[in-house]
């Protein structure tokens, strides 16, 4: 683990997110816990779209289930937070950035989690991208949960979808709690945009 990553995760545990990064877009209403990473026709993958207004994506804040994950009785496996391009209204195959939490680490995280991406992620303002939440392996009884909202979506520019092997991607009429973060560009920086021409 790099020194930078360690510092970011330290702030994730104790501060929610780094003051050095600024909030770009967010949906911060939350009134229930939604599981993912489940088998037997339940939700396997959750995804929330967002449209950035800035160029450098540095991380995402999400809210895992308060008071720990009571359903996470099996500490094996990995939880991935991925930033993906959009492909005709669903998360695409291209992963622009990602971060992995061992389940044993996830269960001990504070409720609000700041996840920095492990590469510099340049995005195109005004273009749809997706925050994707996955767990491997899937489990019938041991699964993570994140906070969401089933009444008011305070970020109408985005939408949520879930994935099952049987149905593929399905529109989810709720919204995931999230904030995207960005870092200001130094003057004169030349960048390459990911996920588009």
N, C-alpha and C. Protein backbone atom coordinates (compact mmCIF):
# COMPACT_ATOMS: atom_id res chain seq x y z
N UNK A 1 0.85 -1.20 0.00
CA UNK A 1 0.00 0.00 0.00
C UNK A 1 0.88 1.24 0.00
N UNK A 2 0.60 2.13 -0.89
CA UNK A 2 1.41 3.33 -0.98
C UNK A 2 1.15 4.25 0.20
N UNK A 3 2.09 5.17 0.44
CA UNK A 3 1.92 6.12 1.52
C UNK A 3 0.70 6.97 1.31
N UNK A 4 0.46 7.41 0.06
CA UNK A 4 -0.70 8.24 -0.22
C UNK A 4 -1.99 7.49 0.09
N UNK A 5 -2.06 6.22 -0.33
CA UNK A 5 -3.26 5.44 -0.08
C UNK A 5 -3.50 5.27 1.41
N UNK A 6 -2.44 5.02 2.17
CA UNK A 6 -2.58 4.85 3.61
C UNK A 6 -3.15 6.10 4.25
N UNK A 7 -2.64 7.26 3.85
CA UNK A 7 -3.14 8.51 4.41
C UNK A 7 -4.60 8.71 4.07
N UNK A 8 -5.00 8.40 2.85
CA UNK A 8 -6.39 8.57 2.46
C UNK A 8 -7.29 7.64 3.25
N UNK A 9 -6.88 6.41 3.44
CA UNK A 9 -7.70 5.49 4.20
C UNK A 9 -7.76 5.88 5.67
N UNK A 10 -6.70 6.46 6.18
CA UNK A 10 -6.71 6.96 7.56
C UNK A 10 -7.77 8.03 7.71
N UNK A 11 -7.84 8.93 6.77
CA UNK A 11 -8.87 9.96 6.82
C UNK A 11 -10.24 9.36 6.57
N UNK A 12 -10.30 8.28 5.77
CA UNK A 12 -11.59 7.65 5.54
C UNK A 12 -12.18 7.17 6.85
N UNK A 13 -11.34 6.58 7.68
CA UNK A 13 -11.81 6.02 8.93
C UNK A 13 -12.22 7.09 9.92
N UNK A 14 -11.51 8.19 9.95
CA UNK A 14 -11.74 9.15 11.02
C UNK A 14 -12.38 10.46 10.60
N UNK A 15 -12.39 10.75 9.30
CA UNK A 15 -12.89 12.06 8.90
C UNK A 15 -13.93 12.01 7.79
N UNK A 16 -14.17 10.84 7.20
CA UNK A 16 -15.16 10.76 6.14
C UNK A 16 -14.53 11.01 4.78
N UNK A 17 -13.90 12.15 4.58
CA UNK A 17 -13.18 12.40 3.33
C UNK A 17 -12.18 13.52 3.57
N UNK A 18 -11.21 13.63 2.70
CA UNK A 18 -10.14 14.60 2.87
C UNK A 18 -10.61 16.01 2.56
N UNK A 19 -10.22 16.96 3.38
CA UNK A 19 -10.55 18.34 3.10
C UNK A 19 -9.84 18.84 1.84
N UNK A 20 -8.74 18.18 1.47
CA UNK A 20 -7.99 18.61 0.30
C UNK A 20 -8.77 18.38 -0.99
N UNK A 21 -9.69 17.41 -0.98
CA UNK A 21 -10.54 17.16 -2.13
C UNK A 21 -11.86 17.89 -1.93
N UNK A 22 -12.48 18.26 -3.02
CA UNK A 22 -13.73 19.00 -2.96
C UNK A 22 -14.87 18.17 -3.54
N UNK A 23 -16.07 18.38 -3.01
CA UNK A 23 -17.24 17.65 -3.48
C UNK A 23 -17.66 18.19 -4.84
N UNK A 24 -17.91 17.28 -5.78
CA UNK A 24 -18.41 17.67 -7.09
C UNK A 24 -19.92 17.48 -7.13
N UNK A 25 -20.40 16.24 -7.16
CA UNK A 25 -21.83 15.98 -7.18
C UNK A 25 -22.18 15.02 -6.05
N UNK A 26 -23.45 15.01 -5.64
CA UNK A 26 -23.82 14.17 -4.50
C UNK A 26 -25.31 13.89 -4.47
N UNK A 27 -25.67 12.80 -3.80
CA UNK A 27 -27.05 12.46 -3.43
C UNK A 27 -26.96 12.03 -1.97
N UNK A 28 -27.46 12.83 -1.06
CA UNK A 28 -27.18 12.62 0.37
C UNK A 28 -28.42 12.33 1.21
N UNK A 29 -29.54 12.00 0.58
CA UNK A 29 -30.68 11.50 1.34
C UNK A 29 -30.51 10.00 1.52
N UNK A 30 -30.78 9.50 2.71
CA UNK A 30 -30.65 8.06 2.97
C UNK A 30 -31.60 7.66 4.09
N UNK A 31 -32.38 6.61 3.85
CA UNK A 31 -33.31 6.17 4.89
C UNK A 31 -33.43 4.65 5.01
N UNK A 32 -32.58 3.89 4.30
CA UNK A 32 -32.60 2.44 4.50
C UNK A 32 -31.28 1.84 4.01
N UNK A 33 -31.07 0.57 4.33
CA UNK A 33 -29.86 -0.14 3.94
C UNK A 33 -30.17 -1.11 2.81
N UNK A 34 -29.35 -1.07 1.75
CA UNK A 34 -29.56 -1.97 0.61
C UNK A 34 -28.40 -2.94 0.49
N UNK A 35 -28.73 -4.22 0.40
CA UNK A 35 -27.73 -5.26 0.28
C UNK A 35 -27.33 -5.46 -1.18
N UNK A 36 -26.11 -5.95 -1.37
CA UNK A 36 -25.65 -6.38 -2.69
C UNK A 36 -24.70 -7.55 -2.48
N UNK A 37 -24.29 -8.17 -3.57
CA UNK A 37 -23.40 -9.33 -3.44
C UNK A 37 -24.11 -10.60 -3.03
N UNK A 38 -25.42 -10.70 -3.36
CA UNK A 38 -26.23 -11.84 -2.94
C UNK A 38 -26.52 -12.78 -4.10
N UNK A 39 -26.85 -14.02 -3.77
CA UNK A 39 -27.22 -15.02 -4.77
C UNK A 39 -28.73 -15.23 -4.76
N UNK A 40 -29.19 -16.27 -5.42
CA UNK A 40 -30.60 -16.68 -5.44
C UNK A 40 -31.53 -15.60 -5.99
N UNK A 41 -31.09 -14.91 -7.04
CA UNK A 41 -31.95 -13.93 -7.68
C UNK A 41 -32.00 -12.58 -7.01
N UNK A 42 -31.28 -12.40 -5.92
CA UNK A 42 -31.22 -11.10 -5.25
C UNK A 42 -30.20 -10.21 -5.95
N UNK A 43 -30.09 -8.98 -5.47
CA UNK A 43 -29.18 -8.02 -6.11
C UNK A 43 -27.73 -8.48 -5.97
N UNK A 44 -27.06 -8.60 -7.10
CA UNK A 44 -25.65 -9.00 -7.10
C UNK A 44 -24.73 -7.77 -7.13
N UNK A 45 -25.04 -6.80 -8.01
CA UNK A 45 -24.22 -5.60 -8.17
C UNK A 45 -25.12 -4.37 -8.09
N UNK A 46 -24.67 -3.33 -7.43
CA UNK A 46 -25.38 -2.05 -7.39
C UNK A 46 -24.56 -1.01 -8.14
N UNK A 47 -25.25 -0.08 -8.79
CA UNK A 47 -24.54 0.97 -9.52
C UNK A 47 -25.32 2.28 -9.45
N UNK A 48 -24.60 3.37 -9.34
CA UNK A 48 -25.18 4.72 -9.31
C UNK A 48 -24.47 5.56 -10.36
N UNK A 49 -25.24 6.18 -11.25
CA UNK A 49 -24.61 7.03 -12.26
C UNK A 49 -24.41 8.44 -11.73
N UNK A 50 -23.46 9.13 -12.32
CA UNK A 50 -23.23 10.53 -11.99
C UNK A 50 -22.66 11.23 -13.22
N UNK A 51 -22.83 12.53 -13.25
CA UNK A 51 -22.32 13.34 -14.36
C UNK A 51 -21.39 14.39 -13.76
N UNK A 52 -20.08 14.22 -13.91
CA UNK A 52 -19.14 15.15 -13.28
C UNK A 52 -19.16 16.52 -13.93
N UNK A 53 -18.82 17.51 -13.13
CA UNK A 53 -18.65 18.86 -13.66
C UNK A 53 -17.18 19.25 -13.67
N UNK A 54 -16.34 18.38 -13.09
CA UNK A 54 -14.90 18.63 -13.02
C UNK A 54 -14.15 17.57 -13.81
N UNK A 55 -12.85 17.76 -13.97
CA UNK A 55 -12.05 16.90 -14.83
C UNK A 55 -11.35 15.77 -14.08
N UNK A 56 -10.81 16.04 -12.89
CA UNK A 56 -10.08 15.02 -12.15
C UNK A 56 -10.98 14.41 -11.09
N UNK A 57 -11.30 13.15 -11.24
CA UNK A 57 -12.06 12.40 -10.23
C UNK A 57 -11.06 11.80 -9.25
N UNK A 58 -11.24 12.11 -7.96
CA UNK A 58 -10.26 11.63 -6.99
C UNK A 58 -10.83 10.61 -6.01
N UNK A 59 -12.15 10.50 -5.91
CA UNK A 59 -12.68 9.53 -4.97
C UNK A 59 -14.18 9.62 -4.82
N UNK A 60 -14.72 8.72 -4.01
CA UNK A 60 -16.15 8.69 -3.76
C UNK A 60 -16.39 8.47 -2.27
N UNK A 61 -17.39 9.15 -1.75
CA UNK A 61 -17.84 8.93 -0.38
C UNK A 61 -19.14 8.14 -0.45
N UNK A 62 -19.23 7.05 0.29
CA UNK A 62 -20.49 6.34 0.40
C UNK A 62 -20.73 6.03 1.87
N UNK A 63 -21.86 5.48 2.18
CA UNK A 63 -22.26 5.26 3.56
C UNK A 63 -22.64 3.81 3.73
N UNK A 64 -21.76 3.04 4.35
CA UNK A 64 -22.10 1.64 4.59
C UNK A 64 -23.09 1.55 5.75
N UNK A 65 -23.66 0.41 5.92
CA UNK A 65 -24.68 0.23 6.95
C UNK A 65 -24.18 0.70 8.31
N UNK A 66 -24.95 1.55 9.01
CA UNK A 66 -24.54 1.99 10.35
C UNK A 66 -24.43 0.80 11.30
N UNK A 67 -23.54 0.95 12.27
CA UNK A 67 -23.38 -0.06 13.33
C UNK A 67 -22.88 -1.41 12.81
N UNK A 68 -22.14 -1.35 11.72
CA UNK A 68 -21.54 -2.57 11.20
C UNK A 68 -22.49 -3.34 10.29
N UNK A 69 -21.99 -4.42 9.70
CA UNK A 69 -22.79 -5.27 8.83
C UNK A 69 -23.12 -6.56 9.57
N UNK A 70 -24.32 -6.60 10.12
CA UNK A 70 -24.72 -7.78 10.89
C UNK A 70 -24.76 -9.03 10.03
N UNK A 71 -25.03 -8.84 8.73
CA UNK A 71 -25.15 -10.00 7.84
C UNK A 71 -23.80 -10.53 7.37
N UNK A 72 -22.71 -9.83 7.68
CA UNK A 72 -21.38 -10.24 7.19
C UNK A 72 -20.74 -11.21 8.18
N UNK A 73 -21.24 -12.43 8.22
CA UNK A 73 -20.68 -13.40 9.15
C UNK A 73 -19.55 -14.20 8.54
N UNK A 74 -19.38 -14.11 7.23
CA UNK A 74 -18.27 -14.75 6.54
C UNK A 74 -17.31 -13.65 6.11
N UNK A 75 -16.10 -13.65 6.66
CA UNK A 75 -15.16 -12.56 6.41
C UNK A 75 -14.25 -12.81 5.22
N UNK A 76 -14.53 -13.82 4.42
CA UNK A 76 -13.74 -14.05 3.22
C UNK A 76 -14.31 -13.23 2.07
N UNK A 77 -13.52 -13.04 1.04
CA UNK A 77 -13.99 -12.33 -0.13
C UNK A 77 -13.55 -10.88 -0.17
N UNK A 78 -13.98 -10.19 -1.21
CA UNK A 78 -13.54 -8.82 -1.49
C UNK A 78 -14.72 -7.98 -1.96
N UNK A 79 -14.72 -6.72 -1.55
CA UNK A 79 -15.71 -5.75 -2.01
C UNK A 79 -14.98 -4.73 -2.87
N UNK A 80 -15.50 -4.49 -4.07
CA UNK A 80 -14.87 -3.57 -5.01
C UNK A 80 -15.75 -2.35 -5.24
N UNK A 81 -15.11 -1.18 -5.26
CA UNK A 81 -15.75 0.06 -5.66
C UNK A 81 -15.09 0.47 -6.97
N UNK A 82 -15.87 0.54 -8.05
CA UNK A 82 -15.31 0.80 -9.37
C UNK A 82 -15.96 2.02 -10.02
N UNK A 83 -15.18 2.73 -10.80
CA UNK A 83 -15.70 3.80 -11.63
C UNK A 83 -15.67 3.30 -13.07
N UNK A 84 -16.85 3.28 -13.70
CA UNK A 84 -16.95 2.73 -15.05
C UNK A 84 -17.54 3.75 -16.01
N UNK A 85 -17.24 3.55 -17.28
CA UNK A 85 -17.85 4.36 -18.31
C UNK A 85 -19.30 3.93 -18.52
N UNK A 86 -20.05 4.73 -19.24
CA UNK A 86 -21.44 4.39 -19.56
C UNK A 86 -21.51 3.72 -20.92
N UNK A 87 -22.33 2.68 -21.02
CA UNK A 87 -22.52 1.98 -22.28
C UNK A 87 -24.03 1.83 -22.51
N UNK A 88 -24.60 2.79 -23.22
CA UNK A 88 -26.03 2.77 -23.56
C UNK A 88 -26.92 2.68 -22.32
N UNK A 89 -26.55 3.45 -21.29
CA UNK A 89 -27.40 3.55 -20.11
C UNK A 89 -27.13 2.56 -19.01
N UNK A 90 -26.07 1.75 -19.14
CA UNK A 90 -25.67 0.82 -18.08
C UNK A 90 -24.15 0.91 -17.92
N UNK A 91 -23.62 0.43 -16.79
CA UNK A 91 -22.17 0.44 -16.63
C UNK A 91 -21.49 -0.36 -17.73
N UNK A 92 -20.44 0.23 -18.32
CA UNK A 92 -19.73 -0.44 -19.40
C UNK A 92 -18.67 -1.40 -18.89
N UNK A 93 -18.00 -2.03 -19.82
CA UNK A 93 -16.95 -2.99 -19.47
C UNK A 93 -15.67 -2.30 -19.00
N UNK A 94 -15.46 -1.06 -19.43
CA UNK A 94 -14.22 -0.35 -19.11
C UNK A 94 -14.24 0.16 -17.68
N UNK A 95 -13.26 -0.26 -16.89
CA UNK A 95 -13.09 0.23 -15.53
C UNK A 95 -12.04 1.32 -15.55
N UNK A 96 -12.43 2.54 -15.18
CA UNK A 96 -11.51 3.67 -15.21
C UNK A 96 -10.65 3.74 -13.96
N UNK A 97 -11.22 3.32 -12.83
CA UNK A 97 -10.50 3.31 -11.56
C UNK A 97 -11.23 2.37 -10.62
N UNK A 98 -10.53 1.86 -9.62
CA UNK A 98 -11.15 0.92 -8.70
C UNK A 98 -10.40 0.87 -7.38
N UNK A 99 -11.09 0.40 -6.36
CA UNK A 99 -10.45 0.16 -5.07
C UNK A 99 -11.09 -1.08 -4.46
N UNK A 100 -10.28 -1.90 -3.80
CA UNK A 100 -10.75 -3.17 -3.25
C UNK A 100 -10.62 -3.18 -1.72
N UNK A 101 -11.69 -3.62 -1.07
CA UNK A 101 -11.68 -3.82 0.38
C UNK A 101 -11.84 -5.31 0.68
N UNK A 102 -10.88 -5.94 1.38
CA UNK A 102 -11.18 -7.26 1.91
C UNK A 102 -12.39 -7.17 2.84
N UNK A 103 -13.24 -8.17 2.81
CA UNK A 103 -14.43 -8.14 3.66
C UNK A 103 -14.05 -7.96 5.12
N UNK A 104 -12.94 -8.55 5.54
CA UNK A 104 -12.51 -8.42 6.93
C UNK A 104 -12.18 -6.97 7.29
N UNK A 105 -11.74 -6.18 6.31
CA UNK A 105 -11.48 -4.75 6.53
C UNK A 105 -12.79 -3.96 6.47
N UNK A 106 -13.63 -4.29 5.49
CA UNK A 106 -14.91 -3.59 5.30
C UNK A 106 -15.73 -3.57 6.59
N UNK A 107 -15.81 -4.72 7.26
CA UNK A 107 -16.67 -4.81 8.44
C UNK A 107 -16.21 -3.89 9.57
N UNK A 108 -14.94 -3.48 9.55
CA UNK A 108 -14.41 -2.62 10.60
C UNK A 108 -14.34 -1.15 10.22
N UNK A 109 -14.77 -0.81 9.01
CA UNK A 109 -14.74 0.58 8.59
C UNK A 109 -15.80 1.39 9.32
N UNK A 110 -15.53 2.69 9.48
CA UNK A 110 -16.56 3.58 9.99
C UNK A 110 -17.71 3.65 9.00
N UNK A 111 -18.83 4.22 9.42
CA UNK A 111 -20.03 4.21 8.58
C UNK A 111 -19.85 4.95 7.27
N UNK A 112 -19.34 6.19 7.32
CA UNK A 112 -19.11 6.93 6.09
C UNK A 112 -17.68 6.69 5.64
N UNK A 113 -17.53 6.27 4.40
CA UNK A 113 -16.24 5.80 3.91
C UNK A 113 -15.79 6.65 2.73
N UNK A 114 -14.57 7.13 2.81
CA UNK A 114 -13.95 7.81 1.68
C UNK A 114 -13.06 6.82 0.96
N UNK A 115 -13.30 6.59 -0.32
CA UNK A 115 -12.48 5.70 -1.11
C UNK A 115 -11.78 6.51 -2.19
N UNK A 116 -10.45 6.54 -2.14
CA UNK A 116 -9.73 7.18 -3.22
C UNK A 116 -9.51 6.17 -4.34
N UNK A 117 -9.45 6.63 -5.57
CA UNK A 117 -9.16 5.73 -6.67
C UNK A 117 -7.66 5.48 -6.72
N UNK A 118 -7.26 4.32 -7.22
CA UNK A 118 -5.84 3.97 -7.16
C UNK A 118 -5.07 4.39 -8.41
N UNK A 119 -5.73 5.12 -9.29
CA UNK A 119 -5.03 5.76 -10.40
C UNK A 119 -5.61 7.16 -10.55
N UNK A 120 -4.88 8.03 -11.21
CA UNK A 120 -5.44 9.34 -11.51
C UNK A 120 -6.53 9.16 -12.55
N UNK A 121 -7.74 9.55 -12.23
CA UNK A 121 -8.87 9.30 -13.11
C UNK A 121 -9.35 10.61 -13.71
N UNK A 122 -9.09 10.79 -14.98
CA UNK A 122 -9.56 11.98 -15.68
C UNK A 122 -10.88 11.67 -16.37
N UNK A 123 -11.89 12.48 -16.11
CA UNK A 123 -13.22 12.25 -16.68
C UNK A 123 -13.64 13.45 -17.51
N UNK A 124 -14.65 13.25 -18.33
CA UNK A 124 -15.13 14.32 -19.19
C UNK A 124 -16.36 14.96 -18.55
N UNK A 125 -16.29 16.23 -18.18
CA UNK A 125 -17.47 16.91 -17.61
C UNK A 125 -18.67 16.83 -18.54
N UNK A 126 -19.85 16.59 -17.94
CA UNK A 126 -21.06 16.48 -18.73
C UNK A 126 -21.33 15.10 -19.29
N UNK A 127 -20.46 14.12 -19.00
CA UNK A 127 -20.60 12.76 -19.51
C UNK A 127 -20.99 11.83 -18.36
N UNK A 128 -21.86 10.87 -18.64
CA UNK A 128 -22.31 9.95 -17.60
C UNK A 128 -21.25 8.90 -17.30
N UNK A 129 -21.03 8.66 -15.99
CA UNK A 129 -20.19 7.58 -15.50
C UNK A 129 -20.95 6.84 -14.40
N UNK A 130 -20.38 5.73 -13.94
CA UNK A 130 -21.06 4.92 -12.94
C UNK A 130 -20.13 4.58 -11.77
N UNK A 131 -20.68 4.64 -10.56
CA UNK A 131 -20.03 4.08 -9.37
C UNK A 131 -20.62 2.70 -9.18
N UNK A 132 -19.79 1.67 -9.16
CA UNK A 132 -20.27 0.30 -9.12
C UNK A 132 -19.79 -0.37 -7.83
N UNK A 133 -20.71 -1.06 -7.16
CA UNK A 133 -20.42 -1.77 -5.91
C UNK A 133 -20.58 -3.27 -6.16
N UNK A 134 -19.48 -4.02 -5.97
CA UNK A 134 -19.50 -5.46 -6.21
C UNK A 134 -18.90 -6.20 -5.02
N UNK A 135 -19.32 -7.45 -4.84
CA UNK A 135 -18.68 -8.33 -3.87
C UNK A 135 -18.42 -9.68 -4.53
N UNK A 136 -17.23 -10.22 -4.29
CA UNK A 136 -16.91 -11.57 -4.74
C UNK A 136 -16.31 -12.35 -3.57
N UNK A 137 -16.69 -13.61 -3.42
CA UNK A 137 -17.75 -14.27 -4.18
C UNK A 137 -19.12 -13.85 -3.68
N UNK A 138 -20.16 -14.11 -4.49
CA UNK A 138 -21.53 -13.85 -4.04
C UNK A 138 -21.89 -14.82 -2.91
N UNK A 139 -22.86 -14.43 -2.10
CA UNK A 139 -23.23 -15.26 -0.97
C UNK A 139 -24.72 -15.14 -0.69
N UNK A 140 -25.33 -16.21 -0.26
CA UNK A 140 -26.74 -16.19 0.10
C UNK A 140 -26.95 -15.54 1.47
N UNK A 141 -26.01 -15.72 2.36
CA UNK A 141 -26.22 -15.30 3.74
C UNK A 141 -25.27 -14.20 4.23
N UNK A 142 -24.15 -13.99 3.55
CA UNK A 142 -23.16 -13.02 4.02
C UNK A 142 -22.98 -11.95 2.94
N UNK A 143 -23.45 -10.75 3.21
CA UNK A 143 -23.47 -9.72 2.17
C UNK A 143 -23.35 -8.33 2.79
N UNK A 144 -22.72 -7.38 2.08
CA UNK A 144 -22.60 -6.01 2.56
C UNK A 144 -23.86 -5.21 2.29
N UNK A 145 -23.99 -4.08 2.98
CA UNK A 145 -25.13 -3.20 2.79
C UNK A 145 -24.65 -1.74 2.78
N UNK A 146 -25.23 -0.94 1.89
CA UNK A 146 -24.92 0.48 1.86
C UNK A 146 -26.21 1.28 1.96
N UNK A 147 -26.09 2.52 2.40
CA UNK A 147 -27.25 3.37 2.63
C UNK A 147 -27.79 3.90 1.30
N UNK A 148 -29.11 4.00 1.24
CA UNK A 148 -29.78 4.49 0.04
C UNK A 148 -31.05 5.23 0.45
N UNK A 149 -31.76 5.74 -0.54
CA UNK A 149 -32.96 6.52 -0.28
C UNK A 149 -34.09 6.03 -1.18
N UNK A 150 -35.26 5.79 -0.60
CA UNK A 150 -36.38 5.30 -1.39
C UNK A 150 -37.53 6.30 -1.49
N UNK A 151 -37.23 7.58 -1.21
CA UNK A 151 -38.31 8.57 -1.31
C UNK A 151 -37.94 9.73 -2.23
N UNK A 152 -36.90 10.48 -1.88
CA UNK A 152 -36.54 11.67 -2.66
C UNK A 152 -35.12 11.55 -3.19
N UNK A 153 -34.98 11.65 -4.50
CA UNK A 153 -33.66 11.65 -5.12
C UNK A 153 -33.20 13.09 -5.27
N UNK A 154 -32.21 13.47 -4.48
CA UNK A 154 -31.73 14.84 -4.53
C UNK A 154 -30.71 15.05 -5.64
N UNK A 155 -30.49 14.03 -6.46
CA UNK A 155 -29.58 14.16 -7.59
C UNK A 155 -30.25 13.61 -8.85
N UNK A 156 -31.18 14.37 -9.43
CA UNK A 156 -31.96 13.87 -10.59
C UNK A 156 -31.13 13.63 -11.84
N UNK A 157 -29.90 14.14 -11.90
CA UNK A 157 -29.06 13.90 -13.07
C UNK A 157 -28.54 12.46 -13.08
N UNK A 158 -28.68 11.76 -11.95
CA UNK A 158 -28.19 10.39 -11.86
C UNK A 158 -29.32 9.40 -11.71
N UNK A 159 -28.99 8.13 -11.87
CA UNK A 159 -29.94 7.05 -11.66
C UNK A 159 -29.21 5.85 -11.08
N UNK A 160 -29.97 4.96 -10.46
CA UNK A 160 -29.39 3.75 -9.89
C UNK A 160 -29.90 2.53 -10.64
N UNK A 161 -29.06 1.52 -10.75
CA UNK A 161 -29.45 0.25 -11.35
C UNK A 161 -28.83 -0.89 -10.57
N UNK A 162 -29.45 -2.07 -10.69
CA UNK A 162 -28.86 -3.25 -10.07
C UNK A 162 -28.74 -4.34 -11.13
N UNK A 163 -27.91 -5.33 -10.82
CA UNK A 163 -27.63 -6.40 -11.76
C UNK A 163 -27.88 -7.74 -11.11
N UNK A 164 -28.55 -8.63 -11.84
CA UNK A 164 -28.61 -10.04 -11.48
C UNK A 164 -28.28 -10.85 -12.73
N UNK A 165 -27.76 -12.03 -12.54
CA UNK A 165 -27.39 -12.87 -13.69
C UNK A 165 -28.60 -13.20 -14.53
N UNK A 166 -29.76 -13.37 -13.89
CA UNK A 166 -30.96 -13.76 -14.62
C UNK A 166 -31.56 -12.61 -15.42
N UNK A 167 -31.54 -11.39 -14.86
CA UNK A 167 -32.25 -10.27 -15.49
C UNK A 167 -31.32 -9.27 -16.16
N UNK A 168 -30.02 -9.32 -15.87
CA UNK A 168 -29.11 -8.30 -16.37
C UNK A 168 -29.28 -7.01 -15.57
N UNK A 169 -29.02 -5.86 -16.19
CA UNK A 169 -29.16 -4.57 -15.52
C UNK A 169 -30.63 -4.15 -15.50
N UNK A 170 -31.09 -3.75 -14.31
CA UNK A 170 -32.48 -3.36 -14.10
C UNK A 170 -32.51 -1.98 -13.45
N UNK A 171 -33.39 -1.11 -13.92
CA UNK A 171 -33.53 0.22 -13.31
C UNK A 171 -34.03 0.06 -11.89
N UNK A 172 -33.36 0.76 -10.98
CA UNK A 172 -33.71 0.73 -9.56
C UNK A 172 -34.30 2.09 -9.22
N UNK A 173 -35.50 2.12 -8.70
CA UNK A 173 -36.20 3.38 -8.50
C UNK A 173 -35.80 4.09 -7.21
N UNK A 174 -34.69 3.71 -6.65
CA UNK A 174 -34.17 4.36 -5.46
C UNK A 174 -32.87 5.08 -5.84
N UNK A 175 -32.16 5.61 -4.86
CA UNK A 175 -30.89 6.30 -5.12
C UNK A 175 -29.90 5.96 -4.02
N UNK A 176 -28.67 5.73 -4.41
CA UNK A 176 -27.61 5.42 -3.46
C UNK A 176 -27.05 6.72 -2.88
N UNK A 177 -26.74 6.70 -1.58
CA UNK A 177 -26.05 7.83 -0.97
C UNK A 177 -24.62 7.87 -1.52
N UNK A 178 -24.21 9.03 -2.05
CA UNK A 178 -22.83 9.14 -2.54
C UNK A 178 -22.43 10.60 -2.67
N UNK A 179 -21.13 10.80 -2.66
CA UNK A 179 -20.53 12.08 -3.04
C UNK A 179 -19.32 11.77 -3.91
N UNK A 180 -19.17 12.49 -5.01
CA UNK A 180 -17.93 12.34 -5.77
C UNK A 180 -17.01 13.51 -5.45
N UNK A 181 -15.74 13.23 -5.44
CA UNK A 181 -14.73 14.21 -5.07
C UNK A 181 -13.79 14.47 -6.24
N UNK A 182 -13.23 15.65 -6.26
CA UNK A 182 -12.30 15.99 -7.33
C UNK A 182 -11.16 16.82 -6.75
N UNK A 183 -10.05 16.81 -7.44
CA UNK A 183 -8.88 17.62 -7.07
C UNK A 183 -8.65 18.67 -8.14
N UNK A 184 -8.44 19.92 -7.76
CA UNK A 184 -8.20 20.98 -8.75
C UNK A 184 -6.97 20.70 -9.59
N UNK A 185 -7.03 21.08 -10.84
CA UNK A 185 -5.89 20.92 -11.75
C UNK A 185 -4.88 22.04 -11.58
N UNK A 186 -3.61 21.71 -11.51
CA UNK A 186 -2.60 22.76 -11.57
C UNK A 186 -2.67 23.51 -12.89
N UNK A 187 -2.37 24.78 -12.88
CA UNK A 187 -2.42 25.59 -14.09
C UNK A 187 -1.52 25.02 -15.18
N UNK A 188 -2.05 24.92 -16.40
CA UNK A 188 -1.25 24.45 -17.53
C UNK A 188 -1.17 22.95 -17.68
N UNK A 189 -1.91 22.19 -16.84
CA UNK A 189 -1.85 20.74 -16.92
C UNK A 189 -2.49 20.24 -18.21
N UNK A 190 -1.84 19.29 -18.88
CA UNK A 190 -2.37 18.65 -20.08
C UNK A 190 -2.81 17.25 -19.69
N UNK A 191 -4.05 16.87 -20.00
CA UNK A 191 -4.56 15.58 -19.56
C UNK A 191 -5.14 14.81 -20.73
N UNK A 192 -5.36 13.51 -20.50
CA UNK A 192 -6.07 12.65 -21.45
C UNK A 192 -7.37 12.23 -20.80
N UNK A 193 -8.49 12.42 -21.49
CA UNK A 193 -9.79 12.10 -20.93
C UNK A 193 -10.07 10.62 -21.08
N UNK A 194 -10.55 9.98 -19.99
CA UNK A 194 -10.90 8.57 -20.04
C UNK A 194 -12.38 8.42 -20.40
N UNK A 195 -12.71 7.31 -21.03
CA UNK A 195 -14.11 6.98 -21.28
C UNK A 195 -14.76 7.80 -22.37
N UNK A 196 -14.03 8.30 -23.32
CA UNK A 196 -14.65 9.07 -24.40
C UNK A 196 -13.61 9.74 -25.26
N UNK A 197 -14.04 10.26 -26.38
CA UNK A 197 -13.12 10.94 -27.29
C UNK A 197 -12.91 12.39 -26.84
